Amino acid sequence: MKAAVVAGLLATLACNPNPAPQSPSDGRSRVARVCARLRALGCEEGAPTAEGASCEEVHLNALTHGVDLASDPACVERSKTCEETRACP
């Protein structure tokens, strides 16, 4: 019985591809660190979009929709190239 409950819970979680949206304030410092490093490396991801949205605005907007683009700021900060940042989770 316990195994069936665990299996049902795992199946339910696997079927929900949309995580709960986070508040932008929850990730603001992470986003700032990531965007600062992307700009320091000269990565296009750190530059404003064609519409003028900053890196921070893009990341925080994604975060409010449940997508965390800055999930591992330490990885980005260790990166020495833009290519390395793109390999970060």
Protein backbone atom coordinates (compact mmCIF):
# COMPACT_ATOMS: atom_id res chain seq x y z
CA MET A 1 0.00 0.00 0.00
CA LYS A 2 2.78 2.42 0.94
CA ALA A 3 4.53 1.75 -2.38
CA ALA A 4 1.31 2.50 -4.27
CA VAL A 5 0.92 5.84 -2.49
CA VAL A 6 4.52 6.79 -3.26
CA ALA A 7 4.12 5.72 -6.89
CA GLY A 8 0.92 7.78 -7.18
CA LEU A 9 2.62 10.81 -5.68
CA LEU A 10 5.57 10.51 -8.05
CA ALA A 11 3.24 10.13 -11.02
CA THR A 12 1.31 13.24 -9.97
CA LEU A 13 4.49 15.27 -9.60
CA ALA A 14 5.81 14.07 -12.95
CA CYS A 15 2.60 15.13 -14.66
CA ASN A 16 2.86 18.72 -13.41
CA PRO A 17 5.52 20.31 -15.65
CA ASN A 18 4.73 23.81 -14.38
CA PRO A 19 6.34 24.50 -11.01
CA ALA A 20 4.73 27.04 -8.75
CA PRO A 21 5.72 30.56 -9.76
CA GLN A 22 8.14 32.30 -7.45
CA SER A 23 8.06 35.87 -6.31
CA PRO A 24 10.67 38.00 -8.10
CA SER A 25 12.00 39.13 -4.72
CA ASP A 26 12.89 35.50 -3.93
CA GLY A 27 15.40 35.37 -6.77
CA ARG A 28 16.47 39.00 -7.13
CA SER A 29 19.99 38.58 -5.67
CA ARG A 30 20.63 35.39 -7.66
CA VAL A 31 19.51 37.11 -10.84
CA ALA A 32 21.69 40.15 -10.16
CA ARG A 33 24.75 37.92 -9.67
CA VAL A 34 24.09 35.93 -12.83
CA CYS A 35 23.42 38.98 -15.00
CA ALA A 36 26.50 40.79 -13.68
CA ARG A 37 28.69 37.81 -14.58
CA LEU A 38 27.10 37.43 -18.03
CA ARG A 39 27.82 41.11 -18.74
CA ALA A 40 31.38 40.86 -17.39
CA LEU A 41 32.04 38.00 -19.81
CA GLY A 42 30.42 39.90 -22.68
CA CYS A 43 27.72 37.25 -23.17
CA GLU A 44 24.73 38.23 -25.29
CA GLU A 45 22.45 36.86 -22.55
CA GLY A 46 23.62 39.72 -20.30
CA ALA A 47 22.72 42.41 -22.83
CA PRO A 48 19.28 44.01 -23.15
CA THR A 49 16.81 42.35 -25.50
CA ALA A 50 15.87 43.95 -28.82
CA GLU A 51 12.83 45.38 -27.00
CA GLY A 52 15.08 46.92 -24.34
CA ALA A 53 14.42 44.54 -21.43
CA SER A 54 17.44 44.09 -19.19
CA CYS A 55 18.87 40.71 -18.27
CA GLU A 56 17.40 41.17 -14.80
CA GLU A 57 13.94 41.97 -16.19
CA VAL A 58 14.00 38.87 -18.41
CA HIS A 59 15.09 36.60 -15.55
CA LEU A 60 12.60 38.03 -13.07
CA ASN A 61 9.76 37.80 -15.59
CA ALA A 62 10.61 34.16 -16.23
CA LEU A 63 10.75 33.53 -12.48
CA THR A 64 7.23 34.87 -11.99
CA HIS A 65 6.10 32.28 -14.55
CA GLY A 66 7.84 29.39 -12.80
CA VAL A 67 10.96 29.29 -14.97
CA ASP A 68 14.25 29.76 -13.12
CA LEU A 69 16.91 30.89 -15.58
CA ALA A 70 19.39 31.51 -12.76
CA SER A 71 19.15 28.21 -10.92
CA ASP A 72 22.90 27.89 -10.28
CA PRO A 73 24.55 31.29 -9.91
CA ALA A 74 27.72 29.74 -8.47
CA CYS A 75 28.22 27.82 -11.72
CA VAL A 76 27.82 31.01 -13.77
CA GLU A 77 30.22 32.88 -11.48
CA ARG A 78 32.88 30.15 -11.88
CA SER A 79 32.54 30.19 -15.65
CA LYS A 80 35.34 31.73 -17.64
CA THR A 81 33.52 31.86 -20.99
CA CYS A 82 30.00 32.40 -22.26
CA GLU A 83 29.98 28.81 -23.48
CA GLU A 84 30.68 27.59 -19.97
CA THR A 85 27.78 29.66 -18.58
CA ARG A 86 25.44 28.05 -21.10
CA ALA A 87 26.35 24.62 -19.73
CA CYS A 88 25.22 25.60 -16.22
CA PRO A 89 21.92 24.19 -14.96
